[in-house]
């Protein structure tokens, strides 16, 4: 279709601006997508990327073009060491974040998804941060250390594995 249809700019009383119906050439509906116009600039189109229908990232849309790859969020999360061999060993968690002043939470989960303990937070952090933690009394196994950071600019989650050996009661 040319020009590519723009989205409505105003929601109705139910909070929906429009329902877009995607149909095959013979007119058989394939998918129906309801959307809200809240926070979407005028003239922005609806496009499929990241396995969902979302507002286009390019003004005027990109009809018939391949989806644009989103740039990766900068940052990282590490545990050193990642293998605890003896009781009383300290792990130094460190991170780099994409914003200057987020709030950070650091938690430890077992492989069944149960939170074993909160290690820090939520606390204010800078772009770079670190937290040394002595992990006593953990059962042997593999754990996932999860860093969550939030700011007005977005959210950031990273996971790193941690192994606790059998001689670490």
C-alpha atoms as a PDB file:
ATOM      1  CA  UNK A   1       0.000   0.000   0.000  1.00  0.00           C
ATOM      2  CA  UNK A   2       1.358   3.408  -0.818  1.00  0.00           C
ATOM      3  CA  UNK A   3       1.440   5.736   0.949  1.00  0.00           C
ATOM      4  CA  UNK A   4       1.695   3.603   4.071  1.00  0.00           C
ATOM      5  CA  UNK A   5      -1.265   4.280   6.379  1.00  0.00           C
ATOM      6  CA  UNK A   6      -0.563   6.388   9.456  1.00  0.00           C
ATOM      7  CA  UNK A   7      -1.982   5.545  12.866  1.00  0.00           C
ATOM      8  CA  UNK A   8      -4.775   7.525  14.488  1.00  0.00           C
ATOM      9  CA  UNK A   9      -3.448  10.126  16.896  1.00  0.00           C
ATOM     10  CA  UNK A  10      -6.152   9.922  19.562  1.00  0.00           C
ATOM     11  CA  UNK A  11      -7.444   7.101  21.752  1.00  0.00           C
ATOM     12  CA  UNK A  12     -11.164   6.521  22.191  1.00  0.00           C
ATOM     13  CA  UNK A  13     -12.876   6.133  25.597  1.00  0.00           C
ATOM     14  CA  UNK A  14     -11.536   2.568  25.912  1.00  0.00           C
ATOM     15  CA  UNK A  15      -7.899   3.655  25.431  1.00  0.00           C
ATOM     16  CA  UNK A  16      -7.686   2.298  21.865  1.00  0.00           C
ATOM     17  CA  UNK A  17      -6.791   4.512  18.901  1.00  0.00           C
ATOM     18  CA  UNK A  18      -7.365   1.931  16.183  1.00  0.00           C
ATOM     19  CA  UNK A  19      -7.580  -1.741  15.361  1.00  0.00           C
ATOM     20  CA  UNK A  20      -5.402  -2.701  12.439  1.00  0.00           C
ATOM     21  CA  UNK A  21      -6.385  -5.824  10.545  1.00  0.00           C
ATOM     22  CA  UNK A  22      -3.720  -7.665   8.590  1.00  0.00           C
ATOM     23  CA  UNK A  23      -5.258  -9.659   5.733  1.00  0.00           C
ATOM     24  CA  UNK A  24      -4.073 -11.957   2.978  1.00  0.00           C
ATOM     25  CA  UNK A  25      -4.494 -10.910  -0.680  1.00  0.00           C
ATOM     26  CA  UNK A  26      -7.871 -12.637  -0.812  1.00  0.00           C
ATOM     27  CA  UNK A  27      -9.092 -10.522   2.142  1.00  0.00           C
ATOM     28  CA  UNK A  28      -8.969 -13.269   4.779  1.00  0.00           C
ATOM     29  CA  UNK A  29      -7.958 -11.642   8.109  1.00  0.00           C
ATOM     30  CA  UNK A  30      -4.735 -13.059   9.522  1.00  0.00           C
ATOM     31  CA  UNK A  31      -4.187 -10.862  12.553  1.00  0.00           C
ATOM     32  CA  UNK A  32      -5.947  -8.001  14.332  1.00  0.00           C
ATOM     33  CA  UNK A  33      -3.889  -5.539  16.375  1.00  0.00           C
ATOM     34  CA  UNK A  34      -5.365  -2.948  18.728  1.00  0.00           C
ATOM     35  CA  UNK A  35      -3.066  -0.105  19.766  1.00  0.00           C
ATOM     36  CA  UNK A  36      -3.016   3.017  21.892  1.00  0.00           C
ATOM     37  CA  UNK A  37      -1.757   6.316  20.469  1.00  0.00           C
ATOM     38  CA  UNK A  38      -0.496   7.490  23.842  1.00  0.00           C
ATOM     39  CA  UNK A  39       3.098   8.705  23.492  1.00  0.00           C
ATOM     40  CA  UNK A  40       3.249   8.063  19.721  1.00  0.00           C
ATOM     41  CA  UNK A  41       3.982  11.087  17.501  1.00  0.00           C
ATOM     42  CA  UNK A  42       1.559  11.977  14.698  1.00  0.00           C
ATOM     43  CA  UNK A  43       2.231  10.206  11.382  1.00  0.00           C
ATOM     44  CA  UNK A  44       4.005   7.168  12.843  1.00  0.00           C
ATOM     45  CA  UNK A  45       3.076   3.800  11.335  1.00  0.00           C
ATOM     46  CA  UNK A  46       2.595   0.393  12.935  1.00  0.00           C
ATOM     47  CA  UNK A  47       5.203  -2.236  12.021  1.00  0.00           C
ATOM     48  CA  UNK A  48       6.122  -5.767  13.038  1.00  0.00           C
ATOM     49  CA  UNK A  49       9.502  -6.136  14.748  1.00  0.00           C
ATOM     50  CA  UNK A  50      10.865  -8.000  17.770  1.00  0.00           C
ATOM     51  CA  UNK A  51       7.964 -10.484  17.465  1.00  0.00           C
ATOM     52  CA  UNK A  52       5.296  -7.834  18.077  1.00  0.00           C
ATOM     53  CA  UNK A  53       3.476  -4.971  16.374  1.00  0.00           C
ATOM     54  CA  UNK A  54       5.010  -1.654  17.464  1.00  0.00           C
ATOM     55  CA  UNK A  55       5.244   1.964  16.288  1.00  0.00           C
ATOM     56  CA  UNK A  56       7.812   2.362  13.498  1.00  0.00           C
ATOM     57  CA  UNK A  57      11.237   3.686  14.447  1.00  0.00           C
ATOM     58  CA  UNK A  58      11.620   5.542  11.137  1.00  0.00           C
ATOM     59  CA  UNK A  59       9.372   8.535  10.274  1.00  0.00           C
ATOM     60  CA  UNK A  60       6.953   7.523   7.523  1.00  0.00           C
ATOM     61  CA  UNK A  61       7.527   3.838   8.187  1.00  0.00           C
ATOM     62  CA  UNK A  62       9.390   1.254   6.178  1.00  0.00           C
ATOM     63  CA  UNK A  63       6.770  -0.545   4.066  1.00  0.00           C
ATOM     64  CA  UNK A  64       8.070  -3.689   2.375  1.00  0.00           C
ATOM     65  CA  UNK A  65      11.541  -3.201   3.855  1.00  0.00           C
ATOM     66  CA  UNK A  66      13.207  -5.771   6.069  1.00  0.00           C
ATOM     67  CA  UNK A  67      12.854  -4.985   9.792  1.00  0.00           C
ATOM     68  CA  UNK A  68      15.596  -2.801  11.223  1.00  0.00           C
ATOM     69  CA  UNK A  69      17.790  -4.383  13.860  1.00  0.00           C
ATOM     70  CA  UNK A  70      17.641  -2.574  17.181  1.00  0.00           C
ATOM     71  CA  UNK A  71      21.022  -1.456  18.481  1.00  0.00           C
ATOM     72  CA  UNK A  72      22.205  -3.414  21.511  1.00  0.00           C
ATOM     73  CA  UNK A  73      21.973  -1.752  24.896  1.00  0.00           C
ATOM     74  CA  UNK A  74      25.513  -1.037  26.057  1.00  0.00           C
ATOM     75  CA  UNK A  75      26.608  -2.422  29.366  1.00  0.00           C
ATOM     76  CA  UNK A  76      27.701  -5.566  31.073  1.00  0.00           C
ATOM     77  CA  UNK A  77      27.572  -7.609  34.247  1.00  0.00           C
ATOM     78  CA  UNK A  78      30.255  -9.917  35.658  1.00  0.00           C
ATOM     79  CA  UNK A  79      30.979 -12.097  38.670  1.00  0.00           C
ATOM     80  CA  UNK A  80      34.589 -12.760  39.681  1.00  0.00           C
ATOM     81  CA  UNK A  81      35.160 -15.558  40.425  1.00  0.00           C
ATOM     82  CA  UNK A  82      32.236 -17.378  38.841  1.00  0.00           C
ATOM     83  CA  UNK A  83      33.087 -20.592  40.700  1.00  0.00           C
ATOM     84  CA  UNK A  84      33.138 -20.721  44.501  1.00  0.00           C
ATOM     85  CA  UNK A  85      35.392 -23.494  45.755  1.00  0.00           C
ATOM     86  CA  UNK A  86      35.447 -22.869  49.516  1.00  0.00           C
ATOM     87  CA  UNK A  87      33.373 -21.398  52.316  1.00  0.00           C
ATOM     88  CA  UNK A  88      33.757 -17.673  52.922  1.00  0.00           C
ATOM     89  CA  UNK A  89      34.906 -16.874  49.395  1.00  0.00           C
ATOM     90  CA  UNK A  90      33.998 -13.383  48.188  1.00  0.00           C
ATOM     91  CA  UNK A  91      32.492 -12.740  44.766  1.00  0.00           C
ATOM     92  CA  UNK A  92      32.981  -9.307  43.229  1.00  0.00           C
ATOM     93  CA  UNK A  93      29.999  -8.378  41.063  1.00  0.00           C
ATOM     94  CA  UNK A  94      30.684  -5.503  38.672  1.00  0.00           C
ATOM     95  CA  UNK A  95      28.621  -3.734  36.027  1.00  0.00           C
ATOM     96  CA  UNK A  96      28.525  -1.004  33.406  1.00  0.00           C
ATOM     97  CA  UNK A  97      25.168   0.628  32.679  1.00  0.00           C
ATOM     98  CA  UNK A  98      23.872   2.809  29.843  1.00  0.00           C
ATOM     99  CA  UNK A  99      22.721   5.676  32.130  1.00  0.00           C
ATOM    100  CA  UNK A 100      24.467   7.882  34.679  1.00  0.00           C
ATOM    101  CA  UNK A 101      22.236   7.379  37.758  1.00  0.00           C
ATOM    102  CA  UNK A 102      20.076   4.227  37.820  1.00  0.00           C
ATOM    103  CA  UNK A 103      18.780   2.294  40.831  1.00  0.00           C
ATOM    104  CA  UNK A 104      20.256  -1.216  40.954  1.00  0.00           C
ATOM    105  CA  UNK A 105      19.050  -4.486  42.481  1.00  0.00           C
ATOM    106  CA  UNK A 106      21.257  -7.580  42.636  1.00  0.00           C
ATOM    107  CA  UNK A 107      19.670 -10.976  43.386  1.00  0.00           C
ATOM    108  CA  UNK A 108      20.655 -14.637  43.345  1.00  0.00           C
ATOM    109  CA  UNK A 109      18.313 -17.326  41.957  1.00  0.00           C
ATOM    110  CA  UNK A 110      18.538 -21.110  41.863  1.00  0.00           C
ATOM    111  CA  UNK A 111      17.887 -22.979  38.606  1.00  0.00           C
ATOM    112  CA  UNK A 112      14.246 -23.576  39.563  1.00  0.00           C
ATOM    113  CA  UNK A 113      13.688 -19.814  39.495  1.00  0.00           C
ATOM    114  CA  UNK A 114      13.475 -19.341  43.271  1.00  0.00           C
ATOM    115  CA  UNK A 115      15.182 -16.285  44.689  1.00  0.00           C
ATOM    116  CA  UNK A 116      17.885 -17.513  47.050  1.00  0.00           C
ATOM    117  CA  UNK A 117      18.684 -14.076  48.369  1.00  0.00           C
ATOM    118  CA  UNK A 118      18.819 -10.387  47.603  1.00  0.00           C
ATOM    119  CA  UNK A 119      22.447  -9.293  47.509  1.00  0.00           C
ATOM    120  CA  UNK A 120      21.933  -5.538  47.097  1.00  0.00           C
ATOM    121  CA  UNK A 121      19.325  -2.906  46.463  1.00  0.00           C
ATOM    122  CA  UNK A 122      17.564  -1.236  45.272  1.00  0.00           C
ATOM    123  CA  UNK A 123      20.416   1.268  45.604  1.00  0.00           C
ATOM    124  CA  UNK A 124      21.651   4.235  43.594  1.00  0.00           C
ATOM    125  CA  UNK A 125      24.510   3.453  41.221  1.00  0.00           C
ATOM    126  CA  UNK A 126      26.658   5.210  38.687  1.00  0.00           C
ATOM    127  CA  UNK A 127      27.482   4.053  35.182  1.00  0.00           C
ATOM    128  CA  UNK A 128      30.089   1.736  36.730  1.00  0.00           C
ATOM    129  CA  UNK A 129      29.488  -0.134  39.937  1.00  0.00           C
ATOM    130  CA  UNK A 130      30.624  -3.097  41.931  1.00  0.00           C
ATOM    131  CA  UNK A 131      29.517  -5.038  44.980  1.00  0.00           C
ATOM    132  CA  UNK A 132      31.695  -7.569  46.809  1.00  0.00           C
ATOM    133  CA  UNK A 133      29.580 -10.288  48.457  1.00  0.00           C
ATOM    134  CA  UNK A 134      30.666 -13.168  50.694  1.00  0.00           C
ATOM    135  CA  UNK A 135      28.349 -16.074  49.925  1.00  0.00           C
ATOM    136  CA  UNK A 136      28.312 -18.402  52.945  1.00  0.00           C
ATOM    137  CA  UNK A 137      25.857 -21.268  53.490  1.00  0.00           C
ATOM    138  CA  UNK A 138      24.809 -21.804  49.870  1.00  0.00           C
ATOM    139  CA  UNK A 139      23.904 -25.332  48.817  1.00  0.00           C
ATOM    140  CA  UNK A 140      26.123 -26.738  46.060  1.00  0.00           C
ATOM    141  CA  UNK A 141      24.849 -26.034  42.560  1.00  0.00           C
ATOM    142  CA  UNK A 142      24.471 -23.491  39.806  1.00  0.00           C
ATOM    143  CA  UNK A 143      22.935 -20.116  40.572  1.00  0.00           C
ATOM    144  CA  UNK A 144      22.029 -17.126  38.444  1.00  0.00           C
ATOM    145  CA  UNK A 145      23.054 -13.694  39.627  1.00  0.00           C
ATOM    146  CA  UNK A 146      20.586 -11.145  38.236  1.00  0.00           C
ATOM    147  CA  UNK A 147      21.292  -7.432  37.951  1.00  0.00           C
ATOM    148  CA  UNK A 148      18.293  -5.148  37.392  1.00  0.00           C
ATOM    149  CA  UNK A 149      18.770  -1.437  36.810  1.00  0.00           C
ATOM    150  CA  UNK A 150      16.033   1.149  36.343  1.00  0.00           C
ATOM    151  CA  UNK A 151      16.132   4.816  35.480  1.00  0.00           C
ATOM    152  CA  UNK A 152      13.879   7.360  33.809  1.00  0.00           C
ATOM    153  CA  UNK A 153      15.569   6.272  30.549  1.00  0.00           C
ATOM    154  CA  UNK A 154      14.589   2.603  30.772  1.00  0.00           C
ATOM    155  CA  UNK A 155      15.314  -0.749  32.365  1.00  0.00           C
ATOM    156  CA  UNK A 156      18.302  -3.035  32.051  1.00  0.00           C
ATOM    157  CA  UNK A 157      18.598  -6.692  33.132  1.00  0.00           C
ATOM    158  CA  UNK A 158      21.644  -8.919  32.893  1.00  0.00           C
ATOM    159  CA  UNK A 159      22.288 -12.430  34.189  1.00  0.00           C
ATOM    160  CA  UNK A 160      25.535 -14.249  34.923  1.00  0.00           C
ATOM    161  CA  UNK A 161      25.951 -17.835  36.200  1.00  0.00           C
ATOM    162  CA  UNK A 162      27.651 -18.708  39.473  1.00  0.00           C
ATOM    163  CA  UNK A 163      28.804 -22.209  40.486  1.00  0.00           C
ATOM    164  CA  UNK A 164      29.034 -23.336  44.097  1.00  0.00           C
ATOM    165  CA  UNK A 165      31.108 -26.524  44.585  1.00  0.00           C
ATOM    166  CA  UNK A 166      30.123 -29.397  46.864  1.00  0.00           C
ATOM    167  CA  UNK A 167      32.572 -28.483  49.615  1.00  0.00           C
ATOM    168  CA  UNK A 168      30.811 -25.144  50.138  1.00  0.00           C
ATOM    169  CA  UNK A 169      28.192 -26.023  52.813  1.00  0.00           C
END
